[in-house]
């Protein structure tokens, strides 16, 4: 099994080697993280790879495309699974990107820490141990990329960081965790269908996609700048079940004729509707104007999918089909109590 480290809080200390503003920064490599948890030797034989050493906000799609390639290479060489450690700020996005990019049934598990190693009670070692235990379990096969935090197992497609500092920050508001870890053993309580509509191999260059949020009283004048600023697509976080002010629908329709425009709910959980409301700016109106529904995906995850689809050179029709296929693929699940 391979542990890839990308930096983040789990790897942060105050050694003073990076930056000069004080505080902690990512300085520990994968080997440091693994050696700090002696119990890992009883779970799996681990290869430690320091892939990046950055705060997670500095990661790029090109890093994730390269990482996905390295993960698949390890899988081809016989690795039973992979664990990725990184900063928590973008875990919900990077894990979903890996869910879309990495093929095959072997587990990919992402984890990190909310408390850095210089604090009392850092959670990184426990999270790393639980992540390796999940990745080493045959129960985890075929579940796509998982996020393991605070002894809970979350599907990458649903998980969100919901608190700025709590060790229980990671939640899956729409679906809940798919399992947990107890006494060193994963318990998977339900299995998700395989995602469909995922992008083909993405190039290293992934076109930029804008993310805007509808707010009370806003006229969304930034819409007129999306194309001129060089964005190749837009994700709009709409009100509630997929609504925007009626005064902006003309600008949205005009932009959607040239670029893929996806609308998600700004609430962060649930799905956007398709056929309930009929006023200007409602979900029915937006769909009739050529916008694409994100379905159950929140804004950041819809942006990840759209970015990778454009990186794979999908046209507008291909983007629409991919979002529809992906949402259709989570229409059923197999409930299992894995004892």
C-alpha atoms as a PDB file:
ATOM      1  CA  UNK A   1       0.000   0.000   0.000  1.00  0.00           C
ATOM      2  CA  UNK A   2       1.177   3.529  -0.759  1.00  0.00           C
ATOM      3  CA  UNK A   3       0.763   6.679   1.335  1.00  0.00           C
ATOM      4  CA  UNK A   4       1.050   9.896  -0.679  1.00  0.00           C
ATOM      5  CA  UNK A   5       1.496  13.093   1.320  1.00  0.00           C
ATOM      6  CA  UNK A   6       0.596  16.491  -0.129  1.00  0.00           C
ATOM      7  CA  UNK A   7       1.256  18.742   2.881  1.00  0.00           C
ATOM      8  CA  UNK A   8      -1.424  20.505   4.893  1.00  0.00           C
ATOM      9  CA  UNK A   9      -2.093  20.708   8.638  1.00  0.00           C
ATOM     10  CA  UNK A  10      -1.325  17.037   9.201  1.00  0.00           C
ATOM     11  CA  UNK A  11       2.242  17.756   8.010  1.00  0.00           C
ATOM     12  CA  UNK A  12       2.637  21.205   9.591  1.00  0.00           C
ATOM     13  CA  UNK A  13       5.151  22.128  12.257  1.00  0.00           C
ATOM     14  CA  UNK A  14       7.082  25.202  13.301  1.00  0.00           C
ATOM     15  CA  UNK A  15      10.524  24.134  12.176  1.00  0.00           C
ATOM     16  CA  UNK A  16      10.996  27.478  10.487  1.00  0.00           C
ATOM     17  CA  UNK A  17      12.115  26.066   7.148  1.00  0.00           C
ATOM     18  CA  UNK A  18       9.302  27.620   5.112  1.00  0.00           C
ATOM     19  CA  UNK A  19       8.322  31.260   5.235  1.00  0.00           C
ATOM     20  CA  UNK A  20       9.213  33.890   7.802  1.00  0.00           C
ATOM     21  CA  UNK A  21       5.870  35.033   9.200  1.00  0.00           C
ATOM     22  CA  UNK A  22       5.781  32.587  12.103  1.00  0.00           C
ATOM     23  CA  UNK A  23       3.255  29.875  12.800  1.00  0.00           C
ATOM     24  CA  UNK A  24       3.280  26.358  11.444  1.00  0.00           C
ATOM     25  CA  UNK A  25       3.728  25.307   7.831  1.00  0.00           C
ATOM     26  CA  UNK A  26       3.789  21.976   5.920  1.00  0.00           C
ATOM     27  CA  UNK A  27       7.248  20.522   6.524  1.00  0.00           C
ATOM     28  CA  UNK A  28       6.741  16.843   7.400  1.00  0.00           C
ATOM     29  CA  UNK A  29       6.960  14.302   4.588  1.00  0.00           C
ATOM     30  CA  UNK A  30       5.120  11.030   4.115  1.00  0.00           C
ATOM     31  CA  UNK A  31       7.797   9.018   5.882  1.00  0.00           C
ATOM     32  CA  UNK A  32       7.608  11.322   8.922  1.00  0.00           C
ATOM     33  CA  UNK A  33       3.848  10.853   9.096  1.00  0.00           C
ATOM     34  CA  UNK A  34       4.040   7.081   8.785  1.00  0.00           C
ATOM     35  CA  UNK A  35       6.848   6.695  11.318  1.00  0.00           C
ATOM     36  CA  UNK A  36       4.862   8.730  13.856  1.00  0.00           C
ATOM     37  CA  UNK A  37       2.188   5.991  13.951  1.00  0.00           C
ATOM     38  CA  UNK A  38       3.902   2.701  14.923  1.00  0.00           C
ATOM     39  CA  UNK A  39       0.574   0.829  14.859  1.00  0.00           C
ATOM     40  CA  UNK A  40       0.574   1.120  11.056  1.00  0.00           C
ATOM     41  CA  UNK A  41       3.138  -1.673  10.764  1.00  0.00           C
ATOM     42  CA  UNK A  42       0.498  -4.083  12.056  1.00  0.00           C
ATOM     43  CA  UNK A  43      -1.995  -3.061   9.338  1.00  0.00           C
ATOM     44  CA  UNK A  44      -0.090  -3.003   6.059  1.00  0.00           C
ATOM     45  CA  UNK A  45       3.328  -2.745   4.482  1.00  0.00           C
ATOM     46  CA  UNK A  46       3.551   0.880   3.423  1.00  0.00           C
ATOM     47  CA  UNK A  47       5.446   2.817   0.802  1.00  0.00           C
ATOM     48  CA  UNK A  48       5.698   6.506   1.784  1.00  0.00           C
ATOM     49  CA  UNK A  49       5.791   9.074  -1.037  1.00  0.00           C
ATOM     50  CA  UNK A  50       6.080  12.819  -0.450  1.00  0.00           C
ATOM     51  CA  UNK A  51       4.203  13.995  -3.534  1.00  0.00           C
ATOM     52  CA  UNK A  52       3.670  17.673  -2.665  1.00  0.00           C
ATOM     53  CA  UNK A  53       4.480  19.823   0.380  1.00  0.00           C
ATOM     54  CA  UNK A  54       1.951  22.682   0.265  1.00  0.00           C
ATOM     55  CA  UNK A  55      -1.164  24.077   1.930  1.00  0.00           C
ATOM     56  CA  UNK A  56      -4.100  22.446   0.179  1.00  0.00           C
ATOM     57  CA  UNK A  57      -5.298  25.757  -1.222  1.00  0.00           C
ATOM     58  CA  UNK A  58      -2.159  25.815  -3.382  1.00  0.00           C
ATOM     59  CA  UNK A  59      -2.996  22.543  -5.139  1.00  0.00           C
ATOM     60  CA  UNK A  60      -3.905  22.709  -8.835  1.00  0.00           C
ATOM     61  CA  UNK A  61      -5.881  20.418 -11.137  1.00  0.00           C
ATOM     62  CA  UNK A  62      -2.576  19.572 -12.817  1.00  0.00           C
ATOM     63  CA  UNK A  63      -1.325  18.218  -9.460  1.00  0.00           C
ATOM     64  CA  UNK A  64      -4.396  16.008  -9.158  1.00  0.00           C
ATOM     65  CA  UNK A  65      -4.151  14.717 -12.723  1.00  0.00           C
ATOM     66  CA  UNK A  66      -0.517  13.804 -12.051  1.00  0.00           C
ATOM     67  CA  UNK A  67      -1.387  12.249  -8.687  1.00  0.00           C
ATOM     68  CA  UNK A  68      -4.158  10.164 -10.270  1.00  0.00           C
ATOM     69  CA  UNK A  69      -1.602   8.866 -12.760  1.00  0.00           C
ATOM     70  CA  UNK A  70       0.774   7.905  -9.949  1.00  0.00           C
ATOM     71  CA  UNK A  71      -2.029   6.181  -8.056  1.00  0.00           C
ATOM     72  CA  UNK A  72      -3.025   4.137 -11.084  1.00  0.00           C
ATOM     73  CA  UNK A  73       0.631   3.246 -11.643  1.00  0.00           C
ATOM     74  CA  UNK A  74       0.872   1.880  -8.091  1.00  0.00           C
ATOM     75  CA  UNK A  75      -2.352  -0.047  -8.602  1.00  0.00           C
ATOM     76  CA  UNK A  76      -0.977  -1.616 -11.789  1.00  0.00           C
ATOM     77  CA  UNK A  77       2.121  -2.627  -9.842  1.00  0.00           C
ATOM     78  CA  UNK A  78      -0.062  -4.456  -7.334  1.00  0.00           C
ATOM     79  CA  UNK A  79      -0.765  -1.972  -4.541  1.00  0.00           C
ATOM     80  CA  UNK A  80      -3.806  -3.081  -2.567  1.00  0.00           C
ATOM     81  CA  UNK A  81      -4.870   0.500  -1.962  1.00  0.00           C
ATOM     82  CA  UNK A  82      -3.710   4.080  -1.579  1.00  0.00           C
ATOM     83  CA  UNK A  83      -3.984   6.697   1.167  1.00  0.00           C
ATOM     84  CA  UNK A  84      -3.567  10.415   0.440  1.00  0.00           C
ATOM     85  CA  UNK A  85      -2.864  12.908   3.219  1.00  0.00           C
ATOM     86  CA  UNK A  86      -3.387  16.620   2.635  1.00  0.00           C
ATOM     87  CA  UNK A  87      -4.727  19.855   4.061  1.00  0.00           C
ATOM     88  CA  UNK A  88      -8.401  19.905   4.938  1.00  0.00           C
ATOM     89  CA  UNK A  89      -9.326  23.148   3.173  1.00  0.00           C
ATOM     90  CA  UNK A  90      -9.846  21.466  -0.201  1.00  0.00           C
ATOM     91  CA  UNK A  91     -10.272  17.793   0.682  1.00  0.00           C
ATOM     92  CA  UNK A  92     -13.886  17.768  -0.508  1.00  0.00           C
ATOM     93  CA  UNK A  93     -12.740  18.921  -3.955  1.00  0.00           C
ATOM     94  CA  UNK A  94      -9.529  16.919  -4.339  1.00  0.00           C
ATOM     95  CA  UNK A  95     -11.163  13.697  -3.142  1.00  0.00           C
ATOM     96  CA  UNK A  96     -13.989  14.130  -5.650  1.00  0.00           C
ATOM     97  CA  UNK A  97     -11.484  14.846  -8.418  1.00  0.00           C
ATOM     98  CA  UNK A  98      -9.682  11.589  -7.595  1.00  0.00           C
ATOM     99  CA  UNK A  99     -13.054   9.829  -7.527  1.00  0.00           C
ATOM    100  CA  UNK A 100     -13.539  10.952 -11.136  1.00  0.00           C
ATOM    101  CA  UNK A 101      -9.973  10.384 -12.345  1.00  0.00           C
ATOM    102  CA  UNK A 102      -8.845   7.094 -10.779  1.00  0.00           C
ATOM    103  CA  UNK A 103     -10.161   3.945 -12.444  1.00  0.00           C
ATOM    104  CA  UNK A 104     -10.511   0.516 -10.887  1.00  0.00           C
ATOM    105  CA  UNK A 105     -11.963  -0.940  -7.707  1.00  0.00           C
ATOM    106  CA  UNK A 106      -9.014  -0.684  -5.307  1.00  0.00           C
ATOM    107  CA  UNK A 107      -9.532   1.769  -2.448  1.00  0.00           C
ATOM    108  CA  UNK A 108      -8.323   5.363  -2.516  1.00  0.00           C
ATOM    109  CA  UNK A 109      -8.722   7.034   0.880  1.00  0.00           C
ATOM    110  CA  UNK A 110      -8.064  10.704   1.633  1.00  0.00           C
ATOM    111  CA  UNK A 111      -7.457  12.072   5.114  1.00  0.00           C
ATOM    112  CA  UNK A 112      -5.762  14.892   6.996  1.00  0.00           C
ATOM    113  CA  UNK A 113      -5.915  16.684  10.329  1.00  0.00           C
ATOM    114  CA  UNK A 114      -7.646  19.628  11.950  1.00  0.00           C
ATOM    115  CA  UNK A 115      -5.028  19.923  14.725  1.00  0.00           C
ATOM    116  CA  UNK A 116      -1.393  20.223  13.719  1.00  0.00           C
ATOM    117  CA  UNK A 117       1.295  18.069  15.392  1.00  0.00           C
ATOM    118  CA  UNK A 118       2.486  20.903  17.687  1.00  0.00           C
ATOM    119  CA  UNK A 119      -0.856  21.011  19.530  1.00  0.00           C
ATOM    120  CA  UNK A 120      -2.079  18.863  22.379  1.00  0.00           C
ATOM    121  CA  UNK A 121      -4.137  15.993  20.992  1.00  0.00           C
ATOM    122  CA  UNK A 122      -3.352  16.209  17.258  1.00  0.00           C
ATOM    123  CA  UNK A 123      -5.842  14.134  15.279  1.00  0.00           C
ATOM    124  CA  UNK A 124      -3.562  13.380  12.325  1.00  0.00           C
ATOM    125  CA  UNK A 125      -2.095  10.092  13.628  1.00  0.00           C
ATOM    126  CA  UNK A 126      -5.514   8.629  14.456  1.00  0.00           C
ATOM    127  CA  UNK A 127      -6.931   9.726  11.108  1.00  0.00           C
ATOM    128  CA  UNK A 128      -3.978   8.240   9.217  1.00  0.00           C
ATOM    129  CA  UNK A 129      -4.297   4.945  11.081  1.00  0.00           C
ATOM    130  CA  UNK A 130      -8.039   4.749  10.380  1.00  0.00           C
ATOM    131  CA  UNK A 131      -7.494   5.666   6.711  1.00  0.00           C
ATOM    132  CA  UNK A 132      -4.956   2.865   6.259  1.00  0.00           C
ATOM    133  CA  UNK A 133      -7.282   0.428   8.015  1.00  0.00           C
ATOM    134  CA  UNK A 134     -10.072   1.368   5.616  1.00  0.00           C
ATOM    135  CA  UNK A 135      -7.821   1.196   2.547  1.00  0.00           C
ATOM    136  CA  UNK A 136      -6.546  -2.222   3.629  1.00  0.00           C
ATOM    137  CA  UNK A 137     -10.048  -3.657   4.009  1.00  0.00           C
ATOM    138  CA  UNK A 138     -11.653  -5.705   1.249  1.00  0.00           C
ATOM    139  CA  UNK A 139     -14.954  -4.035   2.201  1.00  0.00           C
ATOM    140  CA  UNK A 140     -13.686  -0.780   0.691  1.00  0.00           C
ATOM    141  CA  UNK A 141     -13.240  -2.183  -2.806  1.00  0.00           C
ATOM    142  CA  UNK A 142     -15.448  -0.648  -5.464  1.00  0.00           C
ATOM    143  CA  UNK A 143     -16.617   2.303  -3.347  1.00  0.00           C
ATOM    144  CA  UNK A 144     -14.708   4.971  -5.228  1.00  0.00           C
ATOM    145  CA  UNK A 145     -12.609   7.512  -3.382  1.00  0.00           C
ATOM    146  CA  UNK A 146     -13.371   7.807   0.329  1.00  0.00           C
ATOM    147  CA  UNK A 147     -12.650  10.423   2.977  1.00  0.00           C
ATOM    148  CA  UNK A 148     -11.897   9.080   6.463  1.00  0.00           C
ATOM    149  CA  UNK A 149     -12.001  11.499   9.375  1.00  0.00           C
ATOM    150  CA  UNK A 150     -12.816  11.197  13.061  1.00  0.00           C
ATOM    151  CA  UNK A 151     -13.428   7.439  12.570  1.00  0.00           C
ATOM    152  CA  UNK A 152     -16.168   8.103  10.005  1.00  0.00           C
ATOM    153  CA  UNK A 153     -16.094   6.927   6.383  1.00  0.00           C
ATOM    154  CA  UNK A 154     -17.524   9.315   3.796  1.00  0.00           C
ATOM    155  CA  UNK A 155     -18.029   9.030   0.056  1.00  0.00           C
ATOM    156  CA  UNK A 156     -16.052  11.699  -1.783  1.00  0.00           C
ATOM    157  CA  UNK A 157     -19.119  12.663  -3.849  1.00  0.00           C
ATOM    158  CA  UNK A 158     -21.055  13.772  -0.733  1.00  0.00           C
ATOM    159  CA  UNK A 159     -18.541  14.904   1.897  1.00  0.00           C
ATOM    160  CA  UNK A 160     -18.098  18.552   2.908  1.00  0.00           C
ATOM    161  CA  UNK A 161     -15.960  20.446   5.390  1.00  0.00           C
ATOM    162  CA  UNK A 162     -18.623  22.002   7.611  1.00  0.00           C
ATOM    163  CA  UNK A 163     -16.588  23.674  10.365  1.00  0.00           C
ATOM    164  CA  UNK A 164     -13.444  25.773  10.314  1.00  0.00           C
ATOM    165  CA  UNK A 165     -11.681  24.071  13.236  1.00  0.00           C
ATOM    166  CA  UNK A 166     -13.638  21.179  14.783  1.00  0.00           C
ATOM    167  CA  UNK A 167     -12.167  17.689  14.556  1.00  0.00           C
ATOM    168  CA  UNK A 168     -15.686  16.624  13.529  1.00  0.00           C
ATOM    169  CA  UNK A 169     -15.651  19.088  10.613  1.00  0.00           C
ATOM    170  CA  UNK A 170     -16.342  16.543   7.875  1.00  0.00           C
ATOM    171  CA  UNK A 171     -19.945  15.629   7.208  1.00  0.00           C
ATOM    172  CA  UNK A 172     -22.038  14.308   4.326  1.00  0.00           C
ATOM    173  CA  UNK A 173     -25.215  16.402   4.757  1.00  0.00           C
ATOM    174  CA  UNK A 174     -27.121  14.847   1.872  1.00  0.00           C
ATOM    175  CA  UNK A 175     -26.420  11.176   2.532  1.00  0.00           C
ATOM    176  CA  UNK A 176     -24.548  10.747   5.811  1.00  0.00           C
ATOM    177  CA  UNK A 177     -21.394   8.644   6.259  1.00  0.00           C
ATOM    178  CA  UNK A 178     -21.346   5.266   4.557  1.00  0.00           C
ATOM    179  CA  UNK A 179     -19.651   3.658   7.544  1.00  0.00           C
ATOM    180  CA  UNK A 180     -17.263   4.031  10.438  1.00  0.00           C
ATOM    181  CA  UNK A 181     -14.195   2.489  12.050  1.00  0.00           C
ATOM    182  CA  UNK A 182     -14.452   0.673  15.365  1.00  0.00           C
ATOM    183  CA  UNK A 183     -11.759  -1.310  17.199  1.00  0.00           C
ATOM    184  CA  UNK A 184      -9.544  -0.894  14.162  1.00  0.00           C
ATOM    185  CA  UNK A 185     -12.076  -2.406  11.758  1.00  0.00           C
ATOM    186  CA  UNK A 186     -14.130  -0.612   9.106  1.00  0.00           C
ATOM    187  CA  UNK A 187     -17.874  -1.199   9.076  1.00  0.00           C
ATOM    188  CA  UNK A 188     -19.511  -0.287   5.761  1.00  0.00           C
ATOM    189  CA  UNK A 189     -23.268   0.079   6.205  1.00  0.00           C
ATOM    190  CA  UNK A 190     -24.212   0.892   2.641  1.00  0.00           C
ATOM    191  CA  UNK A 191     -22.553   0.759  -0.758  1.00  0.00           C
ATOM    192  CA  UNK A 192     -22.887   3.387  -3.459  1.00  0.00           C
ATOM    193  CA  UNK A 193     -23.291   2.701  -7.171  1.00  0.00           C
ATOM    194  CA  UNK A 194     -20.313   3.354  -9.399  1.00  0.00           C
ATOM    195  CA  UNK A 195     -20.270   6.877 -10.792  1.00  0.00           C
ATOM    196  CA  UNK A 196     -21.176   7.142 -14.448  1.00  0.00           C
ATOM    197  CA  UNK A 197     -20.543  10.074 -16.755  1.00  0.00           C
ATOM    198  CA  UNK A 198     -17.042  10.628 -15.419  1.00  0.00           C
ATOM    199  CA  UNK A 199     -14.604  12.462 -17.694  1.00  0.00           C
ATOM    200  CA  UNK A 200     -12.116  10.706 -19.914  1.00  0.00           C
ATOM    201  CA  UNK A 201      -8.401  11.202 -19.257  1.00  0.00           C
ATOM    202  CA  UNK A 202      -7.896  14.894 -18.543  1.00  0.00           C
ATOM    203  CA  UNK A 203      -4.958  16.766 -19.944  1.00  0.00           C
ATOM    204  CA  UNK A 204      -2.468  18.464 -17.657  1.00  0.00           C
ATOM    205  CA  UNK A 205      -3.999  21.798 -18.702  1.00  0.00           C
ATOM    206  CA  UNK A 206      -7.504  22.098 -17.272  1.00  0.00           C
ATOM    207  CA  UNK A 207      -9.440  25.176 -18.456  1.00  0.00           C
ATOM    208  CA  UNK A 208     -10.539  27.655 -15.767  1.00  0.00           C
ATOM    209  CA  UNK A 209     -14.134  27.505 -14.537  1.00  0.00           C
ATOM    210  CA  UNK A 210     -15.729  30.323 -12.537  1.00  0.00           C
ATOM    211  CA  UNK A 211     -17.838  29.789  -9.419  1.00  0.00           C
ATOM    212  CA  UNK A 212     -20.362  32.490  -8.481  1.00  0.00           C
ATOM    213  CA  UNK A 213     -22.998  32.597  -5.741  1.00  0.00           C
ATOM    214  CA  UNK A 214     -26.425  34.240  -5.972  1.00  0.00           C
ATOM    215  CA  UNK A 215     -27.111  36.542  -3.032  1.00  0.00           C
ATOM    216  CA  UNK A 216     -29.961  38.807  -1.962  1.00  0.00           C
ATOM    217  CA  UNK A 217     -30.132  41.958  -4.047  1.00  0.00           C
ATOM    218  CA  UNK A 218     -27.189  41.066  -6.280  1.00  0.00           C
ATOM    219  CA  UNK A 219     -27.567  41.732 -10.012  1.00  0.00           C
ATOM    220  CA  UNK A 220     -24.760  39.259 -10.838  1.00  0.00           C
ATOM    221  CA  UNK A 221     -23.010  41.839 -12.978  1.00  0.00           C
ATOM    222  CA  UNK A 222     -19.916  39.608 -12.889  1.00  0.00           C
ATOM    223  CA  UNK A 223     -21.699  37.385 -15.426  1.00  0.00           C
ATOM    224  CA  UNK A 224     -20.791  39.852 -18.147  1.00  0.00           C
ATOM    225  CA  UNK A 225     -17.118  39.429 -17.315  1.00  0.00           C
ATOM    226  CA  UNK A 226     -16.894  35.618 -17.158  1.00  0.00           C
ATOM    227  CA  UNK A 227     -16.105  35.088 -20.827  1.00  0.00           C
ATOM    228  CA  UNK A 228     -13.855  38.137 -21.246  1.00  0.00           C
ATOM    229  CA  UNK A 229     -11.759  37.037 -18.266  1.00  0.00           C
ATOM    230  CA  UNK A 230     -10.970  33.777 -20.034  1.00  0.00           C
ATOM    231  CA  UNK A 231     -13.198  31.348 -18.158  1.00  0.00           C
ATOM    232  CA  UNK A 232     -14.328  28.331 -20.155  1.00  0.00           C
ATOM    233  CA  UNK A 233     -17.398  27.608 -18.045  1.00  0.00           C
ATOM    234  CA  UNK A 234     -19.427  28.768 -15.053  1.00  0.00           C
ATOM    235  CA  UNK A 235     -20.975  27.140 -12.018  1.00  0.00           C
ATOM    236  CA  UNK A 236     -23.627  29.271 -10.333  1.00  0.00           C
ATOM    237  CA  UNK A 237     -24.658  28.503  -6.773  1.00  0.00           C
ATOM    238  CA  UNK A 238     -28.356  29.380  -6.894  1.00  0.00           C
ATOM    239  CA  UNK A 239     -30.886  29.939  -4.113  1.00  0.00           C
ATOM    240  CA  UNK A 240     -32.616  26.938  -2.544  1.00  0.00           C
ATOM    241  CA  UNK A 241     -33.677  24.313  -5.053  1.00  0.00           C
ATOM    242  CA  UNK A 242     -32.158  26.203  -7.997  1.00  0.00           C
ATOM    243  CA  UNK A 243     -33.463  29.754  -8.277  1.00  0.00           C
ATOM    244  CA  UNK A 244     -31.939  33.092  -9.297  1.00  0.00           C
ATOM    245  CA  UNK A 245     -33.354  36.631  -9.531  1.00  0.00           C
ATOM    246  CA  UNK A 246     -35.551  36.985 -12.615  1.00  0.00           C
ATOM    247  CA  UNK A 247     -33.615  40.073 -13.694  1.00  0.00           C
ATOM    248  CA  UNK A 248     -30.471  38.035 -14.492  1.00  0.00           C
ATOM    249  CA  UNK A 249     -31.959  35.229 -16.600  1.00  0.00           C
ATOM    250  CA  UNK A 250     -31.323  37.009 -19.880  1.00  0.00           C
ATOM    251  CA  UNK A 251     -27.615  37.314 -19.159  1.00  0.00           C
ATOM    252  CA  UNK A 252     -27.481  33.676 -18.091  1.00  0.00           C
ATOM    253  CA  UNK A 253     -29.237  32.494 -21.249  1.00  0.00           C
ATOM    254  CA  UNK A 254     -26.872  34.547 -23.394  1.00  0.00           C
ATOM    255  CA  UNK A 255     -23.802  33.104 -21.672  1.00  0.00           C
ATOM    256  CA  UNK A 256     -25.174  29.535 -21.742  1.00  0.00           C
ATOM    257  CA  UNK A 257     -25.420  29.759 -25.539  1.00  0.00           C
ATOM    258  CA  UNK A 258     -21.621  29.970 -25.700  1.00  0.00           C
ATOM    259  CA  UNK A 259     -20.262  28.339 -22.540  1.00  0.00           C
ATOM    260  CA  UNK A 260     -21.461  25.535 -20.270  1.00  0.00           C
ATOM    261  CA  UNK A 261     -23.326  27.123 -17.349  1.00  0.00           C
ATOM    262  CA  UNK A 262     -24.183  24.771 -14.478  1.00  0.00           C
ATOM    263  CA  UNK A 263     -26.461  25.717 -11.572  1.00  0.00           C
ATOM    264  CA  UNK A 264     -26.235  24.117  -8.131  1.00  0.00           C
ATOM    265  CA  UNK A 265     -27.823  24.874  -4.774  1.00  0.00           C
ATOM    266  CA  UNK A 266     -25.924  27.222  -2.511  1.00  0.00           C
ATOM    267  CA  UNK A 267     -27.314  25.341   0.527  1.00  0.00           C
ATOM    268  CA  UNK A 268     -24.667  22.624   0.216  1.00  0.00           C
ATOM    269  CA  UNK A 269     -27.043  19.684   0.544  1.00  0.00           C
ATOM    270  CA  UNK A 270     -30.023  18.216  -1.235  1.00  0.00           C
ATOM    271  CA  UNK A 271     -30.653  18.459  -4.976  1.00  0.00           C
ATOM    272  CA  UNK A 272     -31.732  21.198  -7.320  1.00  0.00           C
ATOM    273  CA  UNK A 273     -35.266  20.648  -8.607  1.00  0.00           C
ATOM    274  CA  UNK A 274     -36.263  20.087 -12.218  1.00  0.00           C
ATOM    275  CA  UNK A 275     -39.994  20.631 -12.635  1.00  0.00           C
ATOM    276  CA  UNK A 276     -41.692  22.296  -9.686  1.00  0.00           C
ATOM    277  CA  UNK A 277     -41.417  26.084  -9.972  1.00  0.00           C
ATOM    278  CA  UNK A 278     -42.236  28.056 -13.106  1.00  0.00           C
ATOM    279  CA  UNK A 279     -41.471  31.742 -12.463  1.00  0.00           C
ATOM    280  CA  UNK A 280     -38.639  33.616 -14.243  1.00  0.00           C
ATOM    281  CA  UNK A 281     -35.419  32.497 -12.599  1.00  0.00           C
ATOM    282  CA  UNK A 282     -36.861  29.202 -11.340  1.00  0.00           C
ATOM    283  CA  UNK A 283     -35.271  25.844 -12.055  1.00  0.00           C
ATOM    284  CA  UNK A 284     -37.703  25.095 -14.917  1.00  0.00           C
ATOM    285  CA  UNK A 285     -36.925  28.477 -16.434  1.00  0.00           C
ATOM    286  CA  UNK A 286     -33.157  28.004 -16.170  1.00  0.00           C
ATOM    287  CA  UNK A 287     -33.305  24.571 -17.775  1.00  0.00           C
ATOM    288  CA  UNK A 288     -35.404  25.959 -20.626  1.00  0.00           C
ATOM    289  CA  UNK A 289     -32.703  28.577 -21.228  1.00  0.00           C
ATOM    290  CA  UNK A 290     -29.955  26.003 -21.709  1.00  0.00           C
ATOM    291  CA  UNK A 291     -28.433  25.876 -18.242  1.00  0.00           C
ATOM    292  CA  UNK A 292     -27.285  22.508 -16.876  1.00  0.00           C
ATOM    293  CA  UNK A 293     -28.447  21.091 -13.562  1.00  0.00           C
ATOM    294  CA  UNK A 294     -25.777  20.029 -11.065  1.00  0.00           C
ATOM    295  CA  UNK A 295     -28.294  17.673  -9.442  1.00  0.00           C
ATOM    296  CA  UNK A 296     -26.983  16.524  -6.066  1.00  0.00           C
ATOM    297  CA  UNK A 297     -23.529  18.067  -6.553  1.00  0.00           C
ATOM    298  CA  UNK A 298     -22.778  21.210  -4.587  1.00  0.00           C
ATOM    299  CA  UNK A 299     -21.065  24.167  -6.227  1.00  0.00           C
ATOM    300  CA  UNK A 300     -17.410  23.222  -5.591  1.00  0.00           C
ATOM    301  CA  UNK A 301     -17.928  19.629  -6.735  1.00  0.00           C
ATOM    302  CA  UNK A 302     -19.885  20.721  -9.812  1.00  0.00           C
ATOM    303  CA  UNK A 303     -16.939  22.973 -10.644  1.00  0.00           C
ATOM    304  CA  UNK A 304     -14.538  20.018 -10.283  1.00  0.00           C
ATOM    305  CA  UNK A 305     -16.595  17.890 -12.659  1.00  0.00           C
ATOM    306  CA  UNK A 306     -17.045  20.676 -15.202  1.00  0.00           C
ATOM    307  CA  UNK A 307     -13.334  21.535 -15.088  1.00  0.00           C
ATOM    308  CA  UNK A 308     -12.262  17.942 -15.704  1.00  0.00           C
ATOM    309  CA  UNK A 309     -14.826  17.500 -18.476  1.00  0.00           C
ATOM    310  CA  UNK A 310     -13.476  20.573 -20.236  1.00  0.00           C
ATOM    311  CA  UNK A 311      -9.942  19.293 -19.626  1.00  0.00           C
ATOM    312  CA  UNK A 312     -11.005  16.113 -21.421  1.00  0.00           C
ATOM    313  CA  UNK A 313     -12.203  18.284 -24.352  1.00  0.00           C
ATOM    314  CA  UNK A 314     -15.903  17.615 -23.881  1.00  0.00           C
ATOM    315  CA  UNK A 315     -18.206  19.919 -25.838  1.00  0.00           C
ATOM    316  CA  UNK A 316     -21.414  21.439 -24.462  1.00  0.00           C
ATOM    317  CA  UNK A 317     -23.491  18.387 -25.369  1.00  0.00           C
ATOM    318  CA  UNK A 318     -20.934  16.079 -23.749  1.00  0.00           C
ATOM    319  CA  UNK A 319     -20.938  18.161 -20.575  1.00  0.00           C
ATOM    320  CA  UNK A 320     -24.718  18.036 -20.357  1.00  0.00           C
ATOM    321  CA  UNK A 321     -24.763  14.262 -20.887  1.00  0.00           C
ATOM    322  CA  UNK A 322     -22.061  13.731 -18.251  1.00  0.00           C
ATOM    323  CA  UNK A 323     -23.926  15.666 -15.548  1.00  0.00           C
ATOM    324  CA  UNK A 324     -27.143  13.810 -16.352  1.00  0.00           C
ATOM    325  CA  UNK A 325     -25.414  10.416 -16.339  1.00  0.00           C
ATOM    326  CA  UNK A 326     -23.583  11.060 -13.091  1.00  0.00           C
ATOM    327  CA  UNK A 327     -26.758  12.127 -11.315  1.00  0.00           C
ATOM    328  CA  UNK A 328     -28.672   9.147 -12.696  1.00  0.00           C
ATOM    329  CA  UNK A 329     -25.966   6.805 -11.411  1.00  0.00           C
ATOM    330  CA  UNK A 330     -26.719   7.643  -7.769  1.00  0.00           C
ATOM    331  CA  UNK A 331     -30.400   6.919  -8.120  1.00  0.00           C
ATOM    332  CA  UNK A 332     -30.142   3.660  -6.204  1.00  0.00           C
ATOM    333  CA  UNK A 333     -27.909   2.167  -3.550  1.00  0.00           C
ATOM    334  CA  UNK A 334     -27.396  -1.240  -2.054  1.00  0.00           C
ATOM    335  CA  UNK A 335     -27.983  -1.273   1.684  1.00  0.00           C
ATOM    336  CA  UNK A 336     -25.643  -3.618   3.461  1.00  0.00           C
ATOM    337  CA  UNK A 337     -24.725  -4.203   7.065  1.00  0.00           C
ATOM    338  CA  UNK A 338     -21.137  -5.392   6.910  1.00  0.00           C
ATOM    339  CA  UNK A 339     -20.593  -7.197  10.162  1.00  0.00           C
END
